[in-house]
């Protein structure tokens, strides 16, 4: 039945509409609760994934810094290969020129970067 424009709805109609609205609201709250705590990708997993992402970002930043340092060293070696070859032979292989006298310094006097 259609109502004419002058008729008002009864309080029973408002009650039904209000109950439907509260029912849908209740279903929405229940669905939200289920998704937050009971679903496969629940709130706890999302928090753990975020923490893992933060740790990986820190690790990635550390690796980027190391990479920049290595690029810097590579560019220095590329610019002056003879100096760094000699430095490597002297410091790491402990080989010296004939007739050269080597005086070891105490560790506290070593050059540290």
PDB file of N, CA and C in Angstrom:
ATOM      1  N   UNK A   1       0.812  -1.178   0.000  1.00  0.00           N
ATOM      2  CA  UNK A   1       0.000   0.000   0.000  1.00  0.00           C
ATOM      3  C   UNK A   1       0.859   1.247   0.000  1.00  0.00           C
ATOM      4  N   UNK A   2       0.505   2.139  -0.843  1.00  0.00           N
ATOM      5  CA  UNK A   2       1.236   3.401  -0.858  1.00  0.00           C
ATOM      6  C   UNK A   2       0.481   4.423  -0.046  1.00  0.00           C
ATOM      7  N   UNK A   3       1.259   5.284   0.544  1.00  0.00           N
ATOM      8  CA  UNK A   3       0.650   6.347   1.343  1.00  0.00           C
ATOM      9  C   UNK A   3       0.655   7.636   0.551  1.00  0.00           C
ATOM     10  N   UNK A   4      -0.294   8.417   0.813  1.00  0.00           N
ATOM     11  CA  UNK A   4      -0.288   9.724   0.158  1.00  0.00           C
ATOM     12  C   UNK A   4       0.724  10.606   0.857  1.00  0.00           C
ATOM     13  N   UNK A   5       1.071  11.667   0.276  1.00  0.00           N
ATOM     14  CA  UNK A   5       2.116  12.526   0.832  1.00  0.00           C
ATOM     15  C   UNK A   5       1.738  13.120   2.175  1.00  0.00           C
ATOM     16  N   UNK A   6       0.487  13.151   2.514  1.00  0.00           N
ATOM     17  CA  UNK A   6       0.065  13.743   3.766  1.00  0.00           C
ATOM     18  C   UNK A   6       0.097  12.784   4.940  1.00  0.00           C
ATOM     19  N   UNK A   7       0.194  11.484   4.671  1.00  0.00           N
ATOM     20  CA  UNK A   7       0.168  10.521   5.770  1.00  0.00           C
ATOM     21  C   UNK A   7       1.533  10.400   6.414  1.00  0.00           C
ATOM     22  N   UNK A   8       1.517  10.174   7.712  1.00  0.00           N
ATOM     23  CA  UNK A   8       2.760   9.985   8.445  1.00  0.00           C
ATOM     24  C   UNK A   8       2.944   8.509   8.738  1.00  0.00           C
ATOM     25  N   UNK A   9       4.197   8.127   8.966  1.00  0.00           N
ATOM     26  CA  UNK A   9       4.474   6.744   9.337  1.00  0.00           C
ATOM     27  C   UNK A   9       4.107   6.533  10.788  1.00  0.00           C
ATOM     28  N   UNK A  10       3.738   5.344  11.071  1.00  0.00           N
ATOM     29  CA  UNK A  10       3.370   5.045  12.454  1.00  0.00           C
ATOM     30  C   UNK A  10       4.631   4.779  13.266  1.00  0.00           C
ATOM     31  N   UNK A  11       4.491   4.806  14.566  1.00  0.00           N
ATOM     32  CA  UNK A  11       5.635   4.556  15.439  1.00  0.00           C
ATOM     33  C   UNK A  11       6.125   3.123  15.277  1.00  0.00           C
ATOM     34  N   UNK A  12       5.252   2.234  14.835  1.00  0.00           N
ATOM     35  CA  UNK A  12       5.653   0.845  14.611  1.00  0.00           C
ATOM     36  C   UNK A  12       6.631   0.757  13.438  1.00  0.00           C
ATOM     37  N   UNK A  13       6.395   1.549  12.400  1.00  0.00           N
ATOM     38  CA  UNK A  13       7.314   1.579  11.259  1.00  0.00           C
ATOM     39  C   UNK A  13       8.695   2.084  11.698  1.00  0.00           C
ATOM     40  N   UNK A  14       8.728   3.118  12.528  1.00  0.00           N
ATOM     41  CA  UNK A  14      10.004   3.636  13.029  1.00  0.00           C
ATOM     42  C   UNK A  14      10.715   2.588  13.877  1.00  0.00           C
ATOM     43  N   UNK A  15       9.977   1.835  14.640  1.00  0.00           N
ATOM     44  CA  UNK A  15      10.546   0.793  15.482  1.00  0.00           C
ATOM     45  C   UNK A  15      11.197  -0.296  14.629  1.00  0.00           C
ATOM     46  N   UNK A  16      10.523  -0.693  13.548  1.00  0.00           N
ATOM     47  CA  UNK A  16      11.078  -1.708  12.649  1.00  0.00           C
ATOM     48  C   UNK A  16      12.351  -1.174  11.990  1.00  0.00           C
ATOM     49  N   UNK A  17      12.319   0.055  11.536  1.00  0.00           N
ATOM     50  CA  UNK A  17      13.492   0.653  10.885  1.00  0.00           C
ATOM     51  C   UNK A  17      14.643   0.773  11.877  1.00  0.00           C
ATOM     52  N   UNK A  18      14.331   1.199  13.098  1.00  0.00           N
ATOM     53  CA  UNK A  18      15.358   1.330  14.121  1.00  0.00           C
ATOM     54  C   UNK A  18      15.967  -0.038  14.451  1.00  0.00           C
ATOM     55  N   UNK A  19      15.136  -1.066  14.568  1.00  0.00           N
ATOM     56  CA  UNK A  19      15.636  -2.414  14.843  1.00  0.00           C
ATOM     57  C   UNK A  19      16.526  -2.922  13.707  1.00  0.00           C
ATOM     58  N   UNK A  20      16.110  -2.659  12.476  1.00  0.00           N
ATOM     59  CA  UNK A  20      16.948  -3.053  11.330  1.00  0.00           C
ATOM     60  C   UNK A  20      18.298  -2.335  11.364  1.00  0.00           C
ATOM     61  N   UNK A  21      18.249  -1.043  11.665  1.00  0.00           N
ATOM     62  CA  UNK A  21      19.498  -0.271  11.723  1.00  0.00           C
ATOM     63  C   UNK A  21      20.417  -0.803  12.821  1.00  0.00           C
ATOM     64  N   UNK A  22      19.851  -1.071  13.998  1.00  0.00           N
ATOM     65  CA  UNK A  22      20.668  -1.624  15.092  1.00  0.00           C
ATOM     66  C   UNK A  22      21.161  -3.030  14.757  1.00  0.00           C
ATOM     67  N   UNK A  23      20.337  -3.788  14.064  1.00  0.00           N
ATOM     68  CA  UNK A  23      20.761  -5.133  13.637  1.00  0.00           C
ATOM     69  C   UNK A  23      21.957  -5.066  12.704  1.00  0.00           C
ATOM     70  N   UNK A  24      21.880  -4.166  11.704  1.00  0.00           N
ATOM     71  CA  UNK A  24      23.013  -4.006  10.783  1.00  0.00           C
ATOM     72  C   UNK A  24      24.251  -3.468  11.503  1.00  0.00           C
ATOM     73  N   UNK A  25      24.036  -2.553  12.439  1.00  0.00           N
ATOM     74  CA  UNK A  25      25.155  -2.033  13.221  1.00  0.00           C
ATOM     75  C   UNK A  25      25.800  -3.153  14.040  1.00  0.00           C
ATOM     76  N   UNK A  26      24.950  -4.000  14.643  1.00  0.00           N
ATOM     77  CA  UNK A  26      25.476  -5.134  15.407  1.00  0.00           C
ATOM     78  C   UNK A  26      26.262  -6.093  14.529  1.00  0.00           C
ATOM     79  N   UNK A  27      25.735  -6.369  13.331  1.00  0.00           N
ATOM     80  CA  UNK A  27      26.460  -7.235  12.399  1.00  0.00           C
ATOM     81  C   UNK A  27      27.798  -6.613  11.976  1.00  0.00           C
ATOM     82  N   UNK A  28      27.813  -5.304  11.773  1.00  0.00           N
ATOM     83  CA  UNK A  28      29.056  -4.628  11.395  1.00  0.00           C
ATOM     84  C   UNK A  28      30.083  -4.710  12.523  1.00  0.00           C
ATOM     85  N   UNK A  29      29.628  -4.524  13.778  1.00  0.00           N
ATOM     86  CA  UNK A  29      30.535  -4.620  14.926  1.00  0.00           C
ATOM     87  C   UNK A  29      31.055  -6.047  15.055  1.00  0.00           C
ATOM     88  N   UNK A  30      30.180  -7.031  14.900  1.00  0.00           N
ATOM     89  CA  UNK A  30      30.575  -8.438  14.973  1.00  0.00           C
ATOM     90  C   UNK A  30      31.576  -8.783  13.869  1.00  0.00           C
ATOM     91  N   UNK A  31      31.330  -8.301  12.665  1.00  0.00           N
ATOM     92  CA  UNK A  31      32.240  -8.538  11.541  1.00  0.00           C
ATOM     93  C   UNK A  31      33.602  -7.887  11.807  1.00  0.00           C
ATOM     94  N   UNK A  32      33.589  -6.678  12.344  1.00  0.00           N
ATOM     95  CA  UNK A  32      34.847  -6.002  12.669  1.00  0.00           C
ATOM     96  C   UNK A  32      35.625  -6.778  13.721  1.00  0.00           C
ATOM     97  N   UNK A  33      34.928  -7.231  14.770  1.00  0.00           N
ATOM     98  CA  UNK A  33      35.573  -8.024  15.815  1.00  0.00           C
ATOM     99  C   UNK A  33      36.174  -9.301  15.231  1.00  0.00           C
ATOM    100  N   UNK A  34      35.410  -9.990  14.402  1.00  0.00           N
ATOM    101  CA  UNK A  34      35.896 -11.237  13.799  1.00  0.00           C
ATOM    102  C   UNK A  34      37.129 -10.977  12.935  1.00  0.00           C
ATOM    103  N   UNK A  35      37.109  -9.899  12.165  1.00  0.00           N
ATOM    104  CA  UNK A  35      38.261  -9.595  11.313  1.00  0.00           C
ATOM    105  C   UNK A  35      39.482  -9.178  12.118  1.00  0.00           C
ATOM    106  N   UNK A  36      39.293  -8.465  13.214  1.00  0.00           N
ATOM    107  CA  UNK A  36      40.424  -8.008  14.020  1.00  0.00           C
ATOM    108  C   UNK A  36      41.087  -9.135  14.787  1.00  0.00           C
ATOM    109  N   UNK A  37      40.321 -10.072  15.291  1.00  0.00           N
ATOM    110  CA  UNK A  37      40.879 -11.058  16.208  1.00  0.00           C
ATOM    111  C   UNK A  37      40.816 -12.502  15.725  1.00  0.00           C
ATOM    112  N   UNK A  38      39.909 -12.844  14.848  1.00  0.00           N
ATOM    113  CA  UNK A  38      39.711 -14.240  14.481  1.00  0.00           C
ATOM    114  C   UNK A  38      40.106 -14.587  13.053  1.00  0.00           C
ATOM    115  N   UNK A  39      40.347 -13.612  12.204  1.00  0.00           N
ATOM    116  CA  UNK A  39      40.664 -13.898  10.813  1.00  0.00           C
ATOM    117  C   UNK A  39      42.109 -14.392  10.672  1.00  0.00           C
ATOM    118  N   UNK A  40      42.441 -14.833   9.469  1.00  0.00           N
ATOM    119  CA  UNK A  40      43.799 -15.339   9.208  1.00  0.00           C
ATOM    120  C   UNK A  40      44.845 -14.244   9.377  1.00  0.00           C
ATOM    121  N   UNK A  41      44.549 -13.060   8.905  1.00  0.00           N
ATOM    122  CA  UNK A  41      45.467 -11.928   9.062  1.00  0.00           C
ATOM    123  C   UNK A  41      44.910 -11.026  10.166  1.00  0.00           C
ATOM    124  N   UNK A  42      45.035 -11.475  11.398  1.00  0.00           N
ATOM    125  CA  UNK A  42      44.442 -10.746  12.514  1.00  0.00           C
ATOM    126  C   UNK A  42      45.365  -9.636  13.000  1.00  0.00           C
ATOM    127  N   UNK A  43      44.906  -8.922  14.001  1.00  0.00           N
ATOM    128  CA  UNK A  43      45.625  -7.753  14.510  1.00  0.00           C
ATOM    129  C   UNK A  43      47.006  -8.123  15.040  1.00  0.00           C
ATOM    130  N   UNK A  44      47.106  -9.252  15.715  1.00  0.00           N
ATOM    131  CA  UNK A  44      48.402  -9.689  16.267  1.00  0.00           C
ATOM    132  C   UNK A  44      49.417  -9.958  15.150  1.00  0.00           C
ATOM    133  N   UNK A  45      48.971 -10.605  14.092  1.00  0.00           N
ATOM    134  CA  UNK A  45      49.875 -10.882  12.964  1.00  0.00           C
ATOM    135  C   UNK A  45      50.297  -9.588  12.267  1.00  0.00           C
ATOM    136  N   UNK A  46      49.370  -8.657  12.151  1.00  0.00           N
ATOM    137  CA  UNK A  46      49.694  -7.380  11.513  1.00  0.00           C
ATOM    138  C   UNK A  46      50.756  -6.642  12.324  1.00  0.00           C
ATOM    139  N   UNK A  47      50.626  -6.668  13.654  1.00  0.00           N
ATOM    140  CA  UNK A  47      51.617  -6.004  14.513  1.00  0.00           C
ATOM    141  C   UNK A  47      52.972  -6.687  14.373  1.00  0.00           C
ATOM    142  N   UNK A  48      52.985  -8.027  14.366  1.00  0.00           N
ATOM    143  CA  UNK A  48      54.259  -8.752  14.200  1.00  0.00           C
ATOM    144  C   UNK A  48      54.884  -8.464  12.848  1.00  0.00           C
ATOM    145  N   UNK A  49      54.067  -8.399  11.801  1.00  0.00           N
ATOM    146  CA  UNK A  49      54.590  -8.077  10.473  1.00  0.00           C
ATOM    147  C   UNK A  49      55.174  -6.667  10.433  1.00  0.00           C
ATOM    148  N   UNK A  50      54.534  -5.739  11.110  1.00  0.00           N
ATOM    149  CA  UNK A  50      55.040  -4.361  11.151  1.00  0.00           C
ATOM    150  C   UNK A  50      56.381  -4.313  11.872  1.00  0.00           C
ATOM    151  N   UNK A  51      56.506  -5.047  12.989  1.00  0.00           N
ATOM    152  CA  UNK A  51      57.780  -5.082  13.706  1.00  0.00           C
ATOM    153  C   UNK A  51      58.869  -5.718  12.854  1.00  0.00           C
ATOM    154  N   UNK A  52      58.522  -6.791  12.133  1.00  0.00           N
ATOM    155  CA  UNK A  52      59.497  -7.439  11.251  1.00  0.00           C
ATOM    156  C   UNK A  52      59.912  -6.496  10.128  1.00  0.00           C
ATOM    157  N   UNK A  53      58.971  -5.735   9.609  1.00  0.00           N
ATOM    158  CA  UNK A  53      59.278  -4.772   8.552  1.00  0.00           C
ATOM    159  C   UNK A  53      60.225  -3.698   9.070  1.00  0.00           C
ATOM    160  N   UNK A  54      59.979  -3.228  10.290  1.00  0.00           N
ATOM    161  CA  UNK A  54      60.869  -2.216  10.883  1.00  0.00           C
ATOM    162  C   UNK A  54      62.277  -2.766  11.050  1.00  0.00           C
ATOM    163  N   UNK A  55      62.396  -4.016  11.534  1.00  0.00           N
ATOM    164  CA  UNK A  55      63.728  -4.620  11.692  1.00  0.00           C
ATOM    165  C   UNK A  55      64.424  -4.757  10.348  1.00  0.00           C
ATOM    166  N   UNK A  56      63.688  -5.155   9.322  1.00  0.00           N
ATOM    167  CA  UNK A  56      64.281  -5.309   7.992  1.00  0.00           C
ATOM    168  C   UNK A  56      64.711  -3.967   7.410  1.00  0.00           C
ATOM    169  N   UNK A  57      63.933  -2.927   7.672  1.00  0.00           N
ATOM    170  CA  UNK A  57      64.308  -1.600   7.183  1.00  0.00           C
ATOM    171  C   UNK A  57      65.594  -1.121   7.841  1.00  0.00           C
ATOM    172  N   UNK A  58      65.755  -1.400   9.155  1.00  0.00           N
ATOM    173  CA  UNK A  58      66.990  -1.031   9.839  1.00  0.00           C
ATOM    174  C   UNK A  58      68.169  -1.811   9.276  1.00  0.00           C
ATOM    175  N   UNK A  59      67.958  -3.107   9.044  1.00  0.00           N
ATOM    176  CA  UNK A  59      69.017  -3.937   8.467  1.00  0.00           C
ATOM    177  C   UNK A  59      69.377  -3.456   7.073  1.00  0.00           C
ATOM    178  N   UNK A  60      68.386  -3.104   6.305  1.00  0.00           N
ATOM    179  CA  UNK A  60      68.618  -2.601   4.948  1.00  0.00           C
ATOM    180  C   UNK A  60      69.412  -1.299   4.978  1.00  0.00           C
ATOM    181  N   UNK A  61      69.093  -0.422   5.913  1.00  0.00           N
ATOM    182  CA  UNK A  61      69.827   0.842   6.047  1.00  0.00           C
ATOM    183  C   UNK A  61      71.284   0.583   6.419  1.00  0.00           C
ATOM    184  N   UNK A  62      71.507  -0.379   7.312  1.00  0.00           N
ATOM    185  CA  UNK A  62      72.876  -0.750   7.689  1.00  0.00           C
ATOM    186  C   UNK A  62      73.644  -1.267   6.477  1.00  0.00           C
ATOM    187  N   UNK A  63      72.996  -2.118   5.704  1.00  0.00           N
ATOM    188  CA  UNK A  63      73.655  -2.668   4.510  1.00  0.00           C
ATOM    189  C   UNK A  63      73.916  -1.575   3.475  1.00  0.00           C
ATOM    190  N   UNK A  64      73.031  -0.612   3.372  1.00  0.00           N
ATOM    191  CA  UNK A  64      73.266   0.505   2.433  1.00  0.00           C
ATOM    192  C   UNK A  64      74.490   1.316   2.850  1.00  0.00           C
ATOM    193  N   UNK A  65      74.618   1.546   4.175  1.00  0.00           N
ATOM    194  CA  UNK A  65      75.797   2.282   4.659  1.00  0.00           C
ATOM    195  C   UNK A  65      77.080   1.503   4.375  1.00  0.00           C
ATOM    196  N   UNK A  66      77.047   0.200   4.630  1.00  0.00           N
ATOM    197  CA  UNK A  66      78.222  -0.632   4.342  1.00  0.00           C
ATOM    198  C   UNK A  66      78.557  -0.586   2.854  1.00  0.00           C
ATOM    199  N   UNK A  67      77.531  -0.631   2.033  1.00  0.00           N
ATOM    200  CA  UNK A  67      77.737  -0.580   0.590  1.00  0.00           C
ATOM    201  C   UNK A  67      78.378   0.738   0.169  1.00  0.00           C
ATOM    202  N   UNK A  68      77.927   1.836   0.755  1.00  0.00           N
ATOM    203  CA  UNK A  68      78.522   3.143   0.445  1.00  0.00           C
ATOM    204  C   UNK A  68      79.990   3.190   0.861  1.00  0.00           C
ATOM    205  N   UNK A  69      80.305   2.625   2.036  1.00  0.00           N
ATOM    206  CA  UNK A  69      81.703   2.591   2.479  1.00  0.00           C
ATOM    207  C   UNK A  69      82.559   1.776   1.518  1.00  0.00           C
ATOM    208  N   UNK A  70      82.036   0.627   1.088  1.00  0.00           N
ATOM    209  CA  UNK A  70      82.782  -0.215   0.150  1.00  0.00           C
ATOM    210  C   UNK A  70      82.955   0.473  -1.197  1.00  0.00           C
ATOM    211  N   UNK A  71      81.944   1.192  -1.646  1.00  0.00           N
ATOM    212  CA  UNK A  71      82.077   1.947  -2.900  1.00  0.00           C
ATOM    213  C   UNK A  71      83.153   3.016  -2.771  1.00  0.00           C
ATOM    214  N   UNK A  72      83.195   3.659  -1.611  1.00  0.00           N
ATOM    215  CA  UNK A  72      84.213   4.681  -1.365  1.00  0.00           C
ATOM    216  C   UNK A  72      85.608   4.072  -1.418  1.00  0.00           C
ATOM    217  N   UNK A  73      85.778   2.935  -0.758  1.00  0.00           N
ATOM    218  CA  UNK A  73      87.086   2.258  -0.776  1.00  0.00           C
ATOM    219  C   UNK A  73      87.431   1.827  -2.198  1.00  0.00           C
ATOM    220  N   UNK A  74      86.454   1.293  -2.913  1.00  0.00           N
ATOM    221  CA  UNK A  74      86.695   0.855  -4.289  1.00  0.00           C
ATOM    222  C   UNK A  74      87.146   2.030  -5.161  1.00  0.00           C
ATOM    223  N   UNK A  75      86.487   3.170  -5.002  1.00  0.00           N
ATOM    224  CA  UNK A  75      86.872   4.344  -5.801  1.00  0.00           C
ATOM    225  C   UNK A  75      88.286   4.809  -5.466  1.00  0.00           C
ATOM    226  N   UNK A  76      88.668   4.736  -4.180  1.00  0.00           N
ATOM    227  CA  UNK A  76      90.036   5.103  -3.799  1.00  0.00           C
ATOM    228  C   UNK A  76      91.041   4.149  -4.426  1.00  0.00           C
ATOM    229  N   UNK A  77      90.762   2.860  -4.360  1.00  0.00           N
ATOM    230  CA  UNK A  77      91.678   1.862  -4.946  1.00  0.00           C
ATOM    231  C   UNK A  77      91.748   2.033  -6.455  1.00  0.00           C
ATOM    232  N   UNK A  78      90.627   2.306  -7.075  1.00  0.00           N
ATOM    233  CA  UNK A  78      90.592   2.487  -8.528  1.00  0.00           C
ATOM    234  C   UNK A  78      91.391   3.725  -8.942  1.00  0.00           C
ATOM    235  N   UNK A  79      91.348   4.765  -8.123  1.00  0.00           N
ATOM    236  CA  UNK A  79      92.061   6.002  -8.447  1.00  0.00           C
ATOM    237  C   UNK A  79      93.575   5.853  -8.254  1.00  0.00           C
ATOM    238  N   UNK A  80      94.002   5.057  -7.280  1.00  0.00           N
ATOM    239  CA  UNK A  80      95.428   4.919  -6.993  1.00  0.00           C
ATOM    240  C   UNK A  80      95.752   3.449  -6.683  1.00  0.00           C
ATOM    241  N   UNK A  81      95.743   2.586  -7.716  1.00  0.00           N
ATOM    242  CA  UNK A  81      95.901   1.152  -7.468  1.00  0.00           C
ATOM    243  C   UNK A  81      97.289   0.773  -6.948  1.00  0.00           C
ATOM    244  N   UNK A  82      98.326   1.452  -7.414  1.00  0.00           N
ATOM    245  CA  UNK A  82      99.688   1.085  -6.994  1.00  0.00           C
ATOM    246  C   UNK A  82      99.867   1.293  -5.484  1.00  0.00           C
ATOM    247  N   UNK A  83      99.426   2.423  -4.969  1.00  0.00           N
ATOM    248  CA  UNK A  83      99.539   2.706  -3.542  1.00  0.00           C
ATOM    249  C   UNK A  83      98.834   1.643  -2.700  1.00  0.00           C
ATOM    250  N   UNK A  84      97.613   1.285  -3.091  1.00  0.00           N
ATOM    251  CA  UNK A  84      96.842   0.331  -2.293  1.00  0.00           C
ATOM    252  C   UNK A  84      97.363  -1.094  -2.436  1.00  0.00           C
ATOM    253  N   UNK A  85      97.941  -1.435  -3.596  1.00  0.00           N
ATOM    254  CA  UNK A  85      98.575  -2.749  -3.725  1.00  0.00           C
ATOM    255  C   UNK A  85      99.760  -2.852  -2.776  1.00  0.00           C
ATOM    256  N   UNK A  86     100.568  -1.815  -2.762  1.00  0.00           N
ATOM    257  CA  UNK A  86     101.728  -1.812  -1.869  1.00  0.00           C
ATOM    258  C   UNK A  86     101.275  -1.832  -0.400  1.00  0.00           C
ATOM    259  N   UNK A  87     100.274  -1.082  -0.095  1.00  0.00           N
ATOM    260  CA  UNK A  87      99.750  -1.058   1.275  1.00  0.00           C
ATOM    261  C   UNK A  87      99.240  -2.448   1.681  1.00  0.00           C
ATOM    262  N   UNK A  88      98.543  -3.115   0.774  1.00  0.00           N
ATOM    263  CA  UNK A  88      98.048  -4.456   1.050  1.00  0.00           C
ATOM    264  C   UNK A  88      99.201  -5.427   1.293  1.00  0.00           C
ATOM    265  N   UNK A  89     100.216  -5.376   0.420  1.00  0.00           N
ATOM    266  CA  UNK A  89     101.363  -6.280   0.554  1.00  0.00           C
ATOM    267  C   UNK A  89     102.078  -6.029   1.873  1.00  0.00           C
ATOM    268  N   UNK A  90     102.247  -4.797   2.250  1.00  0.00           N
ATOM    269  CA  UNK A  90     102.957  -4.477   3.496  1.00  0.00           C
ATOM    270  C   UNK A  90     102.146  -4.842   4.741  1.00  0.00           C
ATOM    271  N   UNK A  91     100.876  -4.466   4.777  1.00  0.00           N
ATOM    272  CA  UNK A  91     100.088  -4.626   5.995  1.00  0.00           C
ATOM    273  C   UNK A  91      99.526  -6.030   6.189  1.00  0.00           C
ATOM    274  N   UNK A  92      99.046  -6.630   5.131  1.00  0.00           N
ATOM    275  CA  UNK A  92      98.360  -7.905   5.293  1.00  0.00           C
ATOM    276  C   UNK A  92      99.265  -9.098   5.014  1.00  0.00           C
ATOM    277  N   UNK A  93     100.124  -8.978   4.030  1.00  0.00           N
ATOM    278  CA  UNK A  93     101.021 -10.091   3.721  1.00  0.00           C
ATOM    279  C   UNK A  93     102.343  -9.989   4.474  1.00  0.00           C
ATOM    280  N   UNK A  94     102.565  -8.860   5.141  1.00  0.00           N
ATOM    281  CA  UNK A  94     103.777  -8.609   5.921  1.00  0.00           C
ATOM    282  C   UNK A  94     105.043  -8.833   5.090  1.00  0.00           C
ATOM    283  N   UNK A  95     105.016  -8.332   3.875  1.00  0.00           N
ATOM    284  CA  UNK A  95     106.180  -8.416   2.997  1.00  0.00           C
ATOM    285  C   UNK A  95     106.765  -7.008   2.861  1.00  0.00           C
ATOM    286  N   UNK A  96     108.095  -6.928   2.886  1.00  0.00           N
ATOM    287  CA  UNK A  96     108.755  -5.628   2.838  1.00  0.00           C
ATOM    288  C   UNK A  96     109.851  -5.659   1.801  1.00  0.00           C
ATOM    289  N   UNK A  97     110.305  -4.474   1.415  1.00  0.00           N
ATOM    290  CA  UNK A  97     111.386  -4.369   0.438  1.00  0.00           C
ATOM    291  C   UNK A  97     112.682  -4.839   1.083  1.00  0.00           C
ATOM    292  N   UNK A  98     113.587  -5.308   0.230  1.00  0.00           N
ATOM    293  CA  UNK A  98     114.890  -5.753   0.739  1.00  0.00           C
ATOM    294  C   UNK A  98     115.631  -4.576   1.351  1.00  0.00           C
ATOM    295  N   UNK A  99     116.253  -4.834   2.495  1.00  0.00           N
ATOM    296  CA  UNK A  99     117.032  -3.813   3.169  1.00  0.00           C
ATOM    297  C   UNK A  99     116.197  -2.859   3.998  1.00  0.00           C
ATOM    298  N   UNK A 100     114.929  -2.990   3.969  1.00  0.00           N
ATOM    299  CA  UNK A 100     114.044  -2.113   4.716  1.00  0.00           C
ATOM    300  C   UNK A 100     113.932  -2.624   6.154  1.00  0.00           C
ATOM    301  N   UNK A 101     114.068  -1.743   7.105  1.00  0.00           N
ATOM    302  CA  UNK A 101     113.939  -2.122   8.504  1.00  0.00           C
ATOM    303  C   UNK A 101     112.528  -1.782   8.978  1.00  0.00           C
ATOM    304  N   UNK A 102     111.919  -2.720   9.666  1.00  0.00           N
ATOM    305  CA  UNK A 102     110.547  -2.539  10.150  1.00  0.00           C
ATOM    306  C   UNK A 102     110.591  -2.480  11.665  1.00  0.00           C
ATOM    307  N   UNK A 103     110.012  -1.434  12.200  1.00  0.00           N
ATOM    308  CA  UNK A 103     109.941  -1.272  13.651  1.00  0.00           C
ATOM    309  C   UNK A 103     108.457  -1.326  14.021  1.00  0.00           C
ATOM    310  N   UNK A 104     108.029  -2.386  14.689  1.00  0.00           N
ATOM    311  CA  UNK A 104     106.605  -2.467  15.067  1.00  0.00           C
ATOM    312  C   UNK A 104     106.266  -1.444  16.149  1.00  0.00           C
ATOM    313  N   UNK A 105     105.148  -0.792  15.962  1.00  0.00           N
ATOM    314  CA  UNK A 105     104.667   0.187  16.929  1.00  0.00           C
ATOM    315  C   UNK A 105     103.711  -0.488  17.913  1.00  0.00           C
ATOM    316  N   UNK A 106     103.646   0.042  19.116  1.00  0.00           N
ATOM    317  CA  UNK A 106     102.632  -0.483  20.035  1.00  0.00           C
ATOM    318  C   UNK A 106     101.237  -0.238  19.463  1.00  0.00           C
ATOM    319  N   UNK A 107     100.323  -1.079  19.833  1.00  0.00           N
ATOM    320  CA  UNK A 107      98.981  -1.022  19.255  1.00  0.00           C
ATOM    321  C   UNK A 107      98.295   0.319  19.496  1.00  0.00           C
ATOM    322  N   UNK A 108      98.583   0.968  20.584  1.00  0.00           N
ATOM    323  CA  UNK A 108      97.931   2.264  20.872  1.00  0.00           C
ATOM    324  C   UNK A 108      98.341   3.350  19.894  1.00  0.00           C
ATOM    325  N   UNK A 109      99.462   3.173  19.169  1.00  0.00           N
ATOM    326  CA  UNK A 109      99.913   4.159  18.207  1.00  0.00           C
ATOM    327  C   UNK A 109      99.474   3.839  16.772  1.00  0.00           C
ATOM    328  N   UNK A 110      98.771   2.753  16.602  1.00  0.00           N
ATOM    329  CA  UNK A 110      98.312   2.381  15.264  1.00  0.00           C
ATOM    330  C   UNK A 110      97.277   3.374  14.791  1.00  0.00           C
ATOM    331  N   UNK A 111      97.238   3.565  13.499  1.00  0.00           N
ATOM    332  CA  UNK A 111      96.226   4.427  12.894  1.00  0.00           C
ATOM    333  C   UNK A 111      94.896   3.659  12.900  1.00  0.00           C
ATOM    334  N   UNK A 112      93.895   4.293  13.426  1.00  0.00           N
ATOM    335  CA  UNK A 112      92.558   3.680  13.400  1.00  0.00           C
ATOM    336  C   UNK A 112      91.601   4.647  12.763  1.00  0.00           C
ATOM    337  N   UNK A 113      90.779   4.133  11.913  1.00  0.00           N
ATOM    338  CA  UNK A 113      89.813   4.953  11.181  1.00  0.00           C
ATOM    339  C   UNK A 113      88.640   5.298  12.036  1.00  0.00           C
TER     340      UNK A 113
END
